Amino acid sequence: MANSRNSASPDPLCDIVATCLRRHLTPGQSLVVGFSGGRDSTALLYALHRLQSDIGFQLRACHVNHRISPHAAEWQAFCGRFCDDLGVPLDVLLVDVPRDAAEGLEAAARSQRYAAFGRISVDWLVLGQHRGDQAETLLFNLLRGTGLAGAAGMPETRIVRAGMRLIRPLLSVARKDIEDYLLRHELTWVEDESNADTEFSRNFLRHQVLPLLHSRFSGAEQKLAAAAGRFAEARMLLDELALIDLAGAPPCFPIPIARFVNLPEPRVRNMLRFLLARHKVKIPSEDRLIEAVRQLLEAMPDRHPAIVFGHWQLCRRRGEVHLEPV
């Protein structure tokens, strides 16, 4: 490993990370890097270590051992050695991923990983997703039939829980630039064999779909990532429209049905989508939301429709729309 204790020298990737951090951090805040030992998190952790004294933050790393791969212990050991060389404290968290999870092994592992990260006491969780990941996320969500929220892809920052936010400083960086950075600094990393398994949808997009798109459409990855950014802006504007339509009412349930009756149906759906998202309720489909609006608005006064969304239901009672657990 190259000597990392020299002051940060001019470096495009470091400059991008530094610019992102300065937009969001205040001096003295604490950061934990989600460190798998793979290319992206290795480059990110190394860059953050080089920037630590210049920007002024506390840095540590966290490795989540999913205990799925037969190489899991080797990856954990690699992360330990890498952090020791840098002098960065490392937390190792063991999780149990259900092999028969309804959402699939990949999604279950992700859920367990984020839950583990959320238990760490720091100001910021820093993850290494890059521009290629953003393009894959957009395609993946569009092909699942997502709405605008999914098309917006991954935000640069978001709230994880009270007192902890997530930040992705590499979202504008191409995969090739990360690989060049690793080679320039003579850094090694681990290879997760599951990343080559195209049975996983994201790997299929990464290894088969995106290369095909690149062969026909120049700059496909960059354009897809840019589109995700525009979708994110559109979603923000629709959220602002929902607040306007609430006319000063608190953005929470119950909400008077009178707030809906004079609005065009698309704006009613937008308001409901906004309120459900604030309560972290997943909408199964747009068709289901359309049906919910129809029932809520057309029900006779003596009827009390209830529309189920997973573990929650929307109910109309006494002139109000309520959100209740099923």
C-alpha atoms as a PDB file:
ATOM      1  CA  MET A   1       0.000   0.000   0.000  1.00  0.00           C
ATOM      2  CA  ALA A   2       1.264   3.450  -0.852  1.00  0.00           C
ATOM      3  CA  ASN A   3       2.074   5.805   2.015  1.00  0.00           C
ATOM      4  CA  SER A   4      -1.223   7.494   2.926  1.00  0.00           C
ATOM      5  CA  ARG A   5       0.098   9.828   5.577  1.00  0.00           C
ATOM      6  CA  ASN A   6       1.324  12.465   3.172  1.00  0.00           C
ATOM      7  CA  SER A   7      -0.885  15.529   2.810  1.00  0.00           C
ATOM      8  CA  ALA A   8      -3.495  15.244   0.078  1.00  0.00           C
ATOM      9  CA  SER A   9      -2.062  16.122  -3.313  1.00  0.00           C
ATOM     10  CA  PRO A  10      -4.090  17.388  -6.280  1.00  0.00           C
ATOM     11  CA  ASP A  11      -6.240  14.449  -7.322  1.00  0.00           C
ATOM     12  CA  PRO A  12      -9.545  14.562  -9.274  1.00  0.00           C
ATOM     13  CA  LEU A  13     -11.267  11.904  -7.190  1.00  0.00           C
ATOM     14  CA  CYS A  14     -10.128  13.459  -3.903  1.00  0.00           C
ATOM     15  CA  ASP A  15     -11.278  16.854  -5.168  1.00  0.00           C
ATOM     16  CA  ILE A  16     -14.761  15.520  -5.911  1.00  0.00           C
ATOM     17  CA  VAL A  17     -15.011  13.866  -2.499  1.00  0.00           C
ATOM     18  CA  ALA A  18     -13.745  17.012  -0.755  1.00  0.00           C
ATOM     19  CA  THR A  19     -16.217  19.250  -2.598  1.00  0.00           C
ATOM     20  CA  CYS A  20     -19.110  16.970  -1.628  1.00  0.00           C
ATOM     21  CA  LEU A  21     -18.068  16.841   2.026  1.00  0.00           C
ATOM     22  CA  ARG A  22     -17.649  20.597   2.280  1.00  0.00           C
ATOM     23  CA  ARG A  23     -21.203  21.053   0.974  1.00  0.00           C
ATOM     24  CA  HIS A  24     -22.680  19.052   3.824  1.00  0.00           C
ATOM     25  CA  LEU A  25     -20.312  18.610   6.797  1.00  0.00           C
ATOM     26  CA  THR A  26     -19.521  20.919   9.651  1.00  0.00           C
ATOM     27  CA  PRO A  27     -16.050  20.771  11.270  1.00  0.00           C
ATOM     28  CA  GLY A  28     -15.516  18.060  13.842  1.00  0.00           C
ATOM     29  CA  GLN A  29     -18.331  15.762  12.725  1.00  0.00           C
ATOM     30  CA  SER A  30     -17.857  11.984  12.770  1.00  0.00           C
ATOM     31  CA  LEU A  31     -17.940   9.738   9.703  1.00  0.00           C
ATOM     32  CA  VAL A  32     -18.099   5.975   9.303  1.00  0.00           C
ATOM     33  CA  VAL A  33     -17.334   4.392   5.930  1.00  0.00           C
ATOM     34  CA  GLY A  34     -19.267   1.285   4.965  1.00  0.00           C
ATOM     35  CA  PHE A  35     -16.171  -0.769   4.129  1.00  0.00           C
ATOM     36  CA  SER A  36     -16.614  -4.055   2.281  1.00  0.00           C
ATOM     37  CA  GLY A  37     -13.017  -4.196   1.059  1.00  0.00           C
ATOM     38  CA  GLY A  38     -14.163  -3.967  -2.565  1.00  0.00           C
ATOM     39  CA  ARG A  39     -12.968  -1.451  -5.144  1.00  0.00           C
ATOM     40  CA  ASP A  40     -15.340   1.378  -4.380  1.00  0.00           C
ATOM     41  CA  SER A  41     -15.207   1.396  -0.596  1.00  0.00           C
ATOM     42  CA  THR A  42     -11.426   0.897  -0.621  1.00  0.00           C
ATOM     43  CA  ALA A  43     -10.917   3.936  -2.850  1.00  0.00           C
ATOM     44  CA  LEU A  44     -13.388   5.944  -0.765  1.00  0.00           C
ATOM     45  CA  LEU A  45     -11.794   5.083   2.588  1.00  0.00           C
ATOM     46  CA  TYR A  46      -8.314   5.860   1.285  1.00  0.00           C
ATOM     47  CA  ALA A  47      -9.444   9.208  -0.138  1.00  0.00           C
ATOM     48  CA  LEU A  48     -11.214  10.158   3.093  1.00  0.00           C
ATOM     49  CA  HIS A  49      -8.134   9.303   5.117  1.00  0.00           C
ATOM     50  CA  ARG A  50      -6.060  11.632   2.933  1.00  0.00           C
ATOM     51  CA  LEU A  51      -8.629  14.421   3.344  1.00  0.00           C
ATOM     52  CA  GLN A  52      -9.250  14.007   7.065  1.00  0.00           C
ATOM     53  CA  SER A  53      -6.814  16.621   8.358  1.00  0.00           C
ATOM     54  CA  ASP A  54      -7.651  19.165   5.641  1.00  0.00           C
ATOM     55  CA  ILE A  55     -11.428  19.093   6.194  1.00  0.00           C
ATOM     56  CA  GLY A  56     -11.446  18.229   9.876  1.00  0.00           C
ATOM     57  CA  PHE A  57     -13.649  15.220  10.629  1.00  0.00           C
ATOM     58  CA  GLN A  58     -13.408  12.078  12.729  1.00  0.00           C
ATOM     59  CA  LEU A  59     -13.081   8.934  10.613  1.00  0.00           C
ATOM     60  CA  ARG A  60     -13.773   5.275  11.253  1.00  0.00           C
ATOM     61  CA  ALA A  61     -14.819   2.302   9.131  1.00  0.00           C
ATOM     62  CA  CYS A  62     -17.413  -0.436   9.523  1.00  0.00           C
ATOM     63  CA  HIS A  63     -17.291  -3.860   7.906  1.00  0.00           C
ATOM     64  CA  VAL A  64     -20.524  -5.868   7.874  1.00  0.00           C
ATOM     65  CA  ASN A  65     -19.849  -9.601   7.644  1.00  0.00           C
ATOM     66  CA  HIS A  66     -22.928 -11.230   6.086  1.00  0.00           C
ATOM     67  CA  ARG A  67     -21.455 -14.728   6.540  1.00  0.00           C
ATOM     68  CA  ILE A  68     -22.800 -15.786   3.139  1.00  0.00           C
ATOM     69  CA  SER A  69     -19.641 -16.247   1.067  1.00  0.00           C
ATOM     70  CA  PRO A  70     -17.034 -18.882   1.998  1.00  0.00           C
ATOM     71  CA  HIS A  71     -14.532 -16.014   1.718  1.00  0.00           C
ATOM     72  CA  ALA A  72     -16.284 -13.815   4.304  1.00  0.00           C
ATOM     73  CA  ALA A  73     -13.609 -14.356   6.960  1.00  0.00           C
ATOM     74  CA  GLU A  74     -10.835 -13.497   4.470  1.00  0.00           C
ATOM     75  CA  TRP A  75     -12.595 -10.241   3.526  1.00  0.00           C
ATOM     76  CA  GLN A  76     -12.992  -9.304   7.170  1.00  0.00           C
ATOM     77  CA  ALA A  77      -9.285  -9.962   7.768  1.00  0.00           C
ATOM     78  CA  PHE A  78      -8.340  -7.852   4.718  1.00  0.00           C
ATOM     79  CA  CYS A  79     -10.427  -4.940   6.022  1.00  0.00           C
ATOM     80  CA  GLY A  80      -8.735  -5.240   9.395  1.00  0.00           C
ATOM     81  CA  ARG A  81      -5.249  -5.087   7.870  1.00  0.00           C
ATOM     82  CA  PHE A  82      -6.142  -2.195   5.567  1.00  0.00           C
ATOM     83  CA  CYS A  83      -7.555  -0.115   8.427  1.00  0.00           C
ATOM     84  CA  ASP A  84      -4.581  -0.949  10.645  1.00  0.00           C
ATOM     85  CA  ASP A  85      -2.220   0.336   7.934  1.00  0.00           C
ATOM     86  CA  LEU A  86      -4.170   3.588   7.717  1.00  0.00           C
ATOM     87  CA  GLY A  87      -4.651   3.919  11.440  1.00  0.00           C
ATOM     88  CA  VAL A  88      -8.436   4.076  11.005  1.00  0.00           C
ATOM     89  CA  PRO A  89     -10.600   2.431  13.710  1.00  0.00           C
ATOM     90  CA  LEU A  90     -12.696  -0.467  12.339  1.00  0.00           C
ATOM     91  CA  ASP A  91     -15.979  -1.828  13.645  1.00  0.00           C
ATOM     92  CA  VAL A  92     -16.875  -5.359  12.512  1.00  0.00           C
ATOM     93  CA  LEU A  93     -20.561  -6.275  12.680  1.00  0.00           C
ATOM     94  CA  LEU A  94     -21.857  -9.810  12.113  1.00  0.00           C
ATOM     95  CA  VAL A  95     -25.356 -10.232  10.666  1.00  0.00           C
ATOM     96  CA  ASP A  96     -27.579 -13.195   9.879  1.00  0.00           C
ATOM     97  CA  VAL A  97     -29.186 -12.963   6.445  1.00  0.00           C
ATOM     98  CA  PRO A  98     -32.241 -15.196   5.925  1.00  0.00           C
ATOM     99  CA  ARG A  99     -31.610 -17.367   2.871  1.00  0.00           C
ATOM    100  CA  ASP A 100     -35.336 -17.715   2.141  1.00  0.00           C
ATOM    101  CA  ALA A 101     -36.305 -14.038   2.430  1.00  0.00           C
ATOM    102  CA  ALA A 102     -39.280 -13.125   0.264  1.00  0.00           C
ATOM    103  CA  GLU A 103     -37.441 -10.147  -1.226  1.00  0.00           C
ATOM    104  CA  GLY A 104     -34.474 -12.305  -2.269  1.00  0.00           C
ATOM    105  CA  LEU A 105     -31.002 -12.835  -0.813  1.00  0.00           C
ATOM    106  CA  GLU A 106     -29.484  -9.664  -2.308  1.00  0.00           C
ATOM    107  CA  ALA A 107     -32.210  -7.380  -0.940  1.00  0.00           C
ATOM    108  CA  ALA A 108     -32.221  -9.159   2.435  1.00  0.00           C
ATOM    109  CA  ALA A 109     -28.453  -8.694   2.780  1.00  0.00           C
ATOM    110  CA  ARG A 110     -28.820  -5.011   1.928  1.00  0.00           C
ATOM    111  CA  SER A 111     -31.533  -4.578   4.578  1.00  0.00           C
ATOM    112  CA  GLN A 112     -29.393  -6.268   7.227  1.00  0.00           C
ATOM    113  CA  ARG A 113     -26.383  -4.183   6.234  1.00  0.00           C
ATOM    114  CA  TYR A 114     -28.203  -0.857   6.513  1.00  0.00           C
ATOM    115  CA  ALA A 115     -29.760  -1.896   9.807  1.00  0.00           C
ATOM    116  CA  ALA A 116     -26.258  -2.674  11.132  1.00  0.00           C
ATOM    117  CA  PHE A 117     -24.884   0.667   9.919  1.00  0.00           C
ATOM    118  CA  GLY A 118     -27.765   2.445  11.648  1.00  0.00           C
ATOM    119  CA  ARG A 119     -26.658   1.137  15.046  1.00  0.00           C
ATOM    120  CA  ILE A 120     -23.332   2.995  14.903  1.00  0.00           C
ATOM    121  CA  SER A 121     -23.133   6.289  16.783  1.00  0.00           C
ATOM    122  CA  VAL A 122     -21.798   8.771  14.191  1.00  0.00           C
ATOM    123  CA  ASP A 123     -23.013  11.868  12.365  1.00  0.00           C
ATOM    124  CA  TRP A 124     -22.544  10.504   8.838  1.00  0.00           C
ATOM    125  CA  LEU A 125     -22.567   7.117   7.139  1.00  0.00           C
ATOM    126  CA  VAL A 126     -20.412   7.332   3.988  1.00  0.00           C
ATOM    127  CA  LEU A 127     -21.010   4.869   1.141  1.00  0.00           C
ATOM    128  CA  GLY A 128     -19.109   4.308  -2.085  1.00  0.00           C
ATOM    129  CA  GLN A 129     -21.836   4.096  -4.725  1.00  0.00           C
ATOM    130  CA  HIS A 130     -20.677   5.728  -7.962  1.00  0.00           C
ATOM    131  CA  ARG A 131     -22.096   6.916 -11.276  1.00  0.00           C
ATOM    132  CA  GLY A 132     -22.381   3.397 -12.685  1.00  0.00           C
ATOM    133  CA  ASP A 133     -24.358   2.316  -9.631  1.00  0.00           C
ATOM    134  CA  GLN A 134     -26.685   5.281 -10.159  1.00  0.00           C
ATOM    135  CA  ALA A 135     -27.292   4.278 -13.784  1.00  0.00           C
ATOM    136  CA  GLU A 136     -27.958   0.667 -12.738  1.00  0.00           C
ATOM    137  CA  THR A 137     -30.352   1.820 -10.018  1.00  0.00           C
ATOM    138  CA  LEU A 138     -32.334   3.930 -12.470  1.00  0.00           C
ATOM    139  CA  LEU A 139     -32.661   1.059 -14.959  1.00  0.00           C
ATOM    140  CA  PHE A 140     -33.468  -1.441 -12.226  1.00  0.00           C
ATOM    141  CA  ASN A 141     -36.208   0.726 -10.746  1.00  0.00           C
ATOM    142  CA  LEU A 142     -37.724   1.627 -14.121  1.00  0.00           C
ATOM    143  CA  LEU A 143     -37.903  -2.039 -15.093  1.00  0.00           C
ATOM    144  CA  ARG A 144     -39.659  -2.821 -11.800  1.00  0.00           C
ATOM    145  CA  GLY A 145     -42.344  -0.297 -12.699  1.00  0.00           C
ATOM    146  CA  THR A 146     -41.272   2.404 -10.281  1.00  0.00           C
ATOM    147  CA  GLY A 147     -42.742   5.851  -9.972  1.00  0.00           C
ATOM    148  CA  LEU A 148     -40.811   9.105  -9.908  1.00  0.00           C
ATOM    149  CA  ALA A 149     -39.275   8.328  -6.507  1.00  0.00           C
ATOM    150  CA  GLY A 150     -37.532   5.227  -7.864  1.00  0.00           C
ATOM    151  CA  ALA A 151     -36.551   6.978 -11.091  1.00  0.00           C
ATOM    152  CA  ALA A 152     -34.783   9.598  -8.968  1.00  0.00           C
ATOM    153  CA  GLY A 153     -32.234   6.935  -8.056  1.00  0.00           C
ATOM    154  CA  MET A 154     -29.962   7.368  -5.061  1.00  0.00           C
ATOM    155  CA  PRO A 155     -29.756  10.793  -3.425  1.00  0.00           C
ATOM    156  CA  GLU A 156     -26.400  12.288  -2.504  1.00  0.00           C
ATOM    157  CA  THR A 157     -27.587  12.552   1.098  1.00  0.00           C
ATOM    158  CA  ARG A 158     -30.538  11.327   3.127  1.00  0.00           C
ATOM    159  CA  ILE A 159     -31.531  10.771   6.747  1.00  0.00           C
ATOM    160  CA  VAL A 160     -30.754   7.308   8.146  1.00  0.00           C
ATOM    161  CA  ARG A 161     -32.221   7.997  11.584  1.00  0.00           C
ATOM    162  CA  ALA A 162     -32.346  10.854  14.064  1.00  0.00           C
ATOM    163  CA  GLY A 163     -28.806  12.210  14.405  1.00  0.00           C
ATOM    164  CA  MET A 164     -27.349  10.231  11.480  1.00  0.00           C
ATOM    165  CA  ARG A 165     -27.293  11.020   7.764  1.00  0.00           C
ATOM    166  CA  LEU A 166     -25.987   9.120   4.754  1.00  0.00           C
ATOM    167  CA  ILE A 167     -23.703  10.676   2.155  1.00  0.00           C
ATOM    168  CA  ARG A 168     -22.440   9.316  -1.190  1.00  0.00           C
ATOM    169  CA  PRO A 169     -19.453  11.434  -2.321  1.00  0.00           C
ATOM    170  CA  LEU A 170     -18.670   9.296  -5.407  1.00  0.00           C
ATOM    171  CA  LEU A 171     -22.044   9.490  -7.185  1.00  0.00           C
ATOM    172  CA  SER A 172     -20.606  11.604 -10.007  1.00  0.00           C
ATOM    173  CA  VAL A 173     -17.474   9.430 -10.407  1.00  0.00           C
ATOM    174  CA  ALA A 174     -17.193   6.785 -13.148  1.00  0.00           C
ATOM    175  CA  ARG A 175     -16.181   3.216 -12.296  1.00  0.00           C
ATOM    176  CA  LYS A 176     -13.128   3.559 -14.562  1.00  0.00           C
ATOM    177  CA  ASP A 177     -11.922   6.610 -12.596  1.00  0.00           C
ATOM    178  CA  ILE A 178     -12.158   4.645  -9.350  1.00  0.00           C
ATOM    179  CA  GLU A 179     -10.129   1.795 -10.844  1.00  0.00           C
ATOM    180  CA  ASP A 180      -7.521   4.282 -12.085  1.00  0.00           C
ATOM    181  CA  TYR A 181      -7.317   5.817  -8.607  1.00  0.00           C
ATOM    182  CA  LEU A 182      -6.696   2.417  -7.015  1.00  0.00           C
ATOM    183  CA  LEU A 183      -3.951   1.571  -9.496  1.00  0.00           C
ATOM    184  CA  ARG A 184      -2.305   4.996  -9.183  1.00  0.00           C
ATOM    185  CA  HIS A 185      -2.057   4.599  -5.412  1.00  0.00           C
ATOM    186  CA  GLU A 186      -1.086   0.908  -5.634  1.00  0.00           C
ATOM    187  CA  LEU A 187      -4.057  -0.191  -3.555  1.00  0.00           C
ATOM    188  CA  THR A 188      -5.368  -3.748  -3.374  1.00  0.00           C
ATOM    189  CA  TRP A 189      -8.964  -4.811  -2.754  1.00  0.00           C
ATOM    190  CA  VAL A 190     -11.114  -7.915  -2.493  1.00  0.00           C
ATOM    191  CA  GLU A 191     -13.360  -9.364  -5.185  1.00  0.00           C
ATOM    192  CA  ASP A 192     -16.810 -10.586  -4.162  1.00  0.00           C
ATOM    193  CA  GLU A 193     -17.561 -13.518  -6.446  1.00  0.00           C
ATOM    194  CA  SER A 194     -21.287 -12.790  -6.236  1.00  0.00           C
ATOM    195  CA  ASN A 195     -20.712  -9.560  -8.180  1.00  0.00           C
ATOM    196  CA  ALA A 196     -20.197 -11.660 -11.317  1.00  0.00           C
ATOM    197  CA  ASP A 197     -23.387 -13.696 -10.855  1.00  0.00           C
ATOM    198  CA  THR A 198     -25.867 -12.428 -13.441  1.00  0.00           C
ATOM    199  CA  GLU A 199     -28.686 -14.275 -11.706  1.00  0.00           C
ATOM    200  CA  PHE A 200     -28.800 -11.125  -9.593  1.00  0.00           C
ATOM    201  CA  SER A 201     -30.684  -8.434 -11.507  1.00  0.00           C
ATOM    202  CA  ARG A 202     -28.231  -5.630 -10.791  1.00  0.00           C
ATOM    203  CA  ASN A 203     -25.295  -7.743 -11.970  1.00  0.00           C
ATOM    204  CA  PHE A 204     -27.221  -8.599 -15.147  1.00  0.00           C
ATOM    205  CA  LEU A 205     -27.688  -4.891 -15.818  1.00  0.00           C
ATOM    206  CA  ARG A 206     -24.037  -4.145 -15.008  1.00  0.00           C
ATOM    207  CA  HIS A 207     -22.401  -6.896 -17.037  1.00  0.00           C
ATOM    208  CA  GLN A 208     -24.801  -7.393 -19.938  1.00  0.00           C
ATOM    209  CA  VAL A 209     -27.256  -4.519 -20.394  1.00  0.00           C
ATOM    210  CA  LEU A 210     -25.106  -1.440 -19.729  1.00  0.00           C
ATOM    211  CA  PRO A 211     -22.164  -2.600 -21.911  1.00  0.00           C
ATOM    212  CA  LEU A 212     -24.633  -3.210 -24.745  1.00  0.00           C
ATOM    213  CA  LEU A 213     -26.092   0.265 -24.265  1.00  0.00           C
ATOM    214  CA  HIS A 214     -22.580   1.763 -24.258  1.00  0.00           C
ATOM    215  CA  SER A 215     -21.808   0.038 -27.552  1.00  0.00           C
ATOM    216  CA  ARG A 216     -24.757   1.793 -29.197  1.00  0.00           C
ATOM    217  CA  PHE A 217     -25.230   5.013 -27.207  1.00  0.00           C
ATOM    218  CA  SER A 218     -22.147   7.039 -26.340  1.00  0.00           C
ATOM    219  CA  GLY A 219     -22.046   8.154 -22.702  1.00  0.00           C
ATOM    220  CA  ALA A 220     -25.058   6.031 -21.749  1.00  0.00           C
ATOM    221  CA  GLU A 221     -24.022   5.700 -18.098  1.00  0.00           C
ATOM    222  CA  GLN A 222     -23.460   9.432 -17.660  1.00  0.00           C
ATOM    223  CA  LYS A 223     -26.764  10.291 -19.350  1.00  0.00           C
ATOM    224  CA  LEU A 224     -28.729   7.805 -17.243  1.00  0.00           C
ATOM    225  CA  ALA A 225     -27.190   9.161 -14.047  1.00  0.00           C
ATOM    226  CA  ALA A 226     -27.963  12.719 -15.161  1.00  0.00           C
ATOM    227  CA  ALA A 227     -31.561  11.697 -15.876  1.00  0.00           C
ATOM    228  CA  ALA A 228     -31.852  10.347 -12.332  1.00  0.00           C
ATOM    229  CA  GLY A 229     -30.794  13.779 -11.082  1.00  0.00           C
ATOM    230  CA  ARG A 230     -33.516  15.474 -13.133  1.00  0.00           C
ATOM    231  CA  PHE A 231     -36.101  13.000 -11.849  1.00  0.00           C
ATOM    232  CA  ALA A 232     -34.985  13.857  -8.316  1.00  0.00           C
ATOM    233  CA  GLU A 233     -35.581  17.556  -9.022  1.00  0.00           C
ATOM    234  CA  ALA A 234     -39.037  16.769 -10.435  1.00  0.00           C
ATOM    235  CA  ARG A 235     -39.897  14.760  -7.335  1.00  0.00           C
ATOM    236  CA  MET A 236     -38.841  17.664  -5.117  1.00  0.00           C
ATOM    237  CA  LEU A 237     -41.143  19.997  -7.061  1.00  0.00           C
ATOM    238  CA  LEU A 238     -44.040  17.559  -6.719  1.00  0.00           C
ATOM    239  CA  ASP A 239     -43.422  17.361  -2.972  1.00  0.00           C
ATOM    240  CA  GLU A 240     -43.614  21.154  -2.858  1.00  0.00           C
ATOM    241  CA  LEU A 241     -46.887  20.995  -4.812  1.00  0.00           C
ATOM    242  CA  ALA A 242     -48.268  18.519  -2.261  1.00  0.00           C
ATOM    243  CA  LEU A 243     -47.459  20.967   0.544  1.00  0.00           C
ATOM    244  CA  ILE A 244     -49.235  23.745  -1.382  1.00  0.00           C
ATOM    245  CA  ASP A 245     -52.300  21.519  -1.825  1.00  0.00           C
ATOM    246  CA  LEU A 246     -52.295  20.748   1.894  1.00  0.00           C
ATOM    247  CA  ALA A 247     -52.954  24.484   2.339  1.00  0.00           C
ATOM    248  CA  GLY A 248     -51.140  24.756   5.635  1.00  0.00           C
ATOM    249  CA  ALA A 249     -52.471  21.528   7.125  1.00  0.00           C
ATOM    250  CA  PRO A 250     -49.855  19.333   8.842  1.00  0.00           C
ATOM    251  CA  PRO A 251     -48.347  16.800   6.391  1.00  0.00           C
ATOM    252  CA  CYS A 252     -49.675  13.815   8.312  1.00  0.00           C
ATOM    253  CA  PHE A 253     -52.763  11.671   8.806  1.00  0.00           C
ATOM    254  CA  PRO A 254     -55.649  11.995   9.476  1.00  0.00           C
ATOM    255  CA  ILE A 255     -56.416  14.483   6.757  1.00  0.00           C
ATOM    256  CA  PRO A 256     -59.863  15.934   5.939  1.00  0.00           C
ATOM    257  CA  ILE A 257     -61.357  14.510   2.757  1.00  0.00           C
ATOM    258  CA  ALA A 258     -62.269  18.123   1.929  1.00  0.00           C
ATOM    259  CA  ARG A 259     -58.574  18.669   1.068  1.00  0.00           C
ATOM    260  CA  PHE A 260     -59.046  16.287  -1.891  1.00  0.00           C
ATOM    261  CA  VAL A 261     -62.446  17.028  -3.368  1.00  0.00           C
ATOM    262  CA  ASN A 262     -61.577  20.196  -5.332  1.00  0.00           C
ATOM    263  CA  LEU A 263     -58.249  18.950  -6.662  1.00  0.00           C
ATOM    264  CA  PRO A 264     -57.629  17.211 -10.006  1.00  0.00           C
ATOM    265  CA  GLU A 265     -57.208  13.476  -9.491  1.00  0.00           C
ATOM    266  CA  PRO A 266     -53.444  13.467 -10.342  1.00  0.00           C
ATOM    267  CA  ARG A 267     -52.845  16.045  -7.594  1.00  0.00           C
ATOM    268  CA  VAL A 268     -54.829  13.960  -5.110  1.00  0.00           C
ATOM    269  CA  ARG A 269     -52.611  10.992  -5.927  1.00  0.00           C
ATOM    270  CA  ASN A 270     -49.527  13.177  -5.596  1.00  0.00           C
ATOM    271  CA  MET A 271     -50.614  14.346  -2.146  1.00  0.00           C
ATOM    272  CA  LEU A 272     -51.358  10.793  -1.002  1.00  0.00           C
ATOM    273  CA  ARG A 273     -48.050   9.560  -2.403  1.00  0.00           C
ATOM    274  CA  PHE A 274     -46.241  12.345  -0.530  1.00  0.00           C
ATOM    275  CA  LEU A 275     -48.004  11.583   2.760  1.00  0.00           C
ATOM    276  CA  LEU A 276     -47.492   7.826   2.470  1.00  0.00           C
ATOM    277  CA  ALA A 277     -43.784   8.332   1.725  1.00  0.00           C
ATOM    278  CA  ARG A 278     -43.423  10.499   4.853  1.00  0.00           C
ATOM    279  CA  HIS A 279     -44.847   7.580   6.845  1.00  0.00           C
ATOM    280  CA  LYS A 280     -42.518   5.131   5.018  1.00  0.00           C
ATOM    281  CA  VAL A 281     -45.441   3.224   3.514  1.00  0.00           C
ATOM    282  CA  LYS A 282     -44.566   1.409   0.307  1.00  0.00           C
ATOM    283  CA  ILE A 283     -47.182   1.725  -2.446  1.00  0.00           C
ATOM    284  CA  PRO A 284     -47.554  -1.614  -4.299  1.00  0.00           C
ATOM    285  CA  SER A 285     -48.445  -0.001  -7.649  1.00  0.00           C
ATOM    286  CA  GLU A 286     -49.840   3.131  -9.250  1.00  0.00           C
ATOM    287  CA  ASP A 287     -52.992   1.181 -10.137  1.00  0.00           C
ATOM    288  CA  ARG A 288     -53.499   0.483  -6.451  1.00  0.00           C
ATOM    289  CA  LEU A 289     -53.126   4.170  -5.625  1.00  0.00           C
ATOM    290  CA  ILE A 290     -55.634   5.130  -8.342  1.00  0.00           C
ATOM    291  CA  GLU A 291     -58.116   2.659  -6.875  1.00  0.00           C
ATOM    292  CA  ALA A 292     -57.519   4.082  -3.397  1.00  0.00           C
ATOM    293  CA  VAL A 293     -58.342   7.602  -4.587  1.00  0.00           C
ATOM    294  CA  ARG A 294     -61.490   6.360  -6.338  1.00  0.00           C
ATOM    295  CA  GLN A 295     -62.787   4.588  -3.237  1.00  0.00           C
ATOM    296  CA  LEU A 296     -61.929   7.425  -0.862  1.00  0.00           C
ATOM    297  CA  LEU A 297     -63.602  10.085  -3.007  1.00  0.00           C
ATOM    298  CA  GLU A 298     -66.633   8.167  -4.265  1.00  0.00           C
ATOM    299  CA  ALA A 299     -67.693   6.367  -1.088  1.00  0.00           C
ATOM    300  CA  MET A 300     -71.122   7.302   0.264  1.00  0.00           C
ATOM    301  CA  PRO A 301     -71.154   8.957   3.730  1.00  0.00           C
ATOM    302  CA  ASP A 302     -72.303   5.732   5.385  1.00  0.00           C
ATOM    303  CA  ARG A 303     -69.523   3.652   3.799  1.00  0.00           C
ATOM    304  CA  HIS A 304     -66.030   3.283   5.268  1.00  0.00           C
ATOM    305  CA  PRO A 305     -63.631   1.975   2.600  1.00  0.00           C
ATOM    306  CA  ALA A 306     -60.249   0.568   3.679  1.00  0.00           C
ATOM    307  CA  ILE A 307     -57.439   0.149   1.167  1.00  0.00           C
ATOM    308  CA  VAL A 308     -54.523  -2.023   2.267  1.00  0.00           C
ATOM    309  CA  PHE A 309     -50.894  -1.143   1.444  1.00  0.00           C
ATOM    310  CA  GLY A 310     -48.764  -3.939   2.900  1.00  0.00           C
ATOM    311  CA  HIS A 311     -48.903  -3.600   6.673  1.00  0.00           C
ATOM    312  CA  TRP A 312     -50.964  -0.391   6.503  1.00  0.00           C
ATOM    313  CA  GLN A 313     -54.404   0.654   5.347  1.00  0.00           C
ATOM    314  CA  LEU A 314     -56.048   3.900   4.321  1.00  0.00           C
ATOM    315  CA  CYS A 315     -59.516   4.323   5.833  1.00  0.00           C
ATOM    316  CA  ARG A 316     -62.210   6.962   5.420  1.00  0.00           C
ATOM    317  CA  ARG A 317     -64.165   7.762   8.575  1.00  0.00           C
ATOM    318  CA  ARG A 318     -66.143  10.822   9.675  1.00  0.00           C
ATOM    319  CA  GLY A 319     -64.935  12.907   6.754  1.00  0.00           C
ATOM    320  CA  GLU A 320     -61.246  12.116   7.272  1.00  0.00           C
ATOM    321  CA  VAL A 321     -58.660   9.828   5.698  1.00  0.00           C
ATOM    322  CA  HIS A 322     -56.769   7.811   8.324  1.00  0.00           C
ATOM    323  CA  LEU A 323     -53.632   5.676   8.042  1.00  0.00           C
ATOM    324  CA  GLU A 324     -53.683   2.666  10.356  1.00  0.00           C
ATOM    325  CA  PRO A 325     -51.730  -0.571  10.808  1.00  0.00           C
ATOM    326  CA  VAL A 326     -53.481  -3.647   9.457  1.00  0.00           C
END
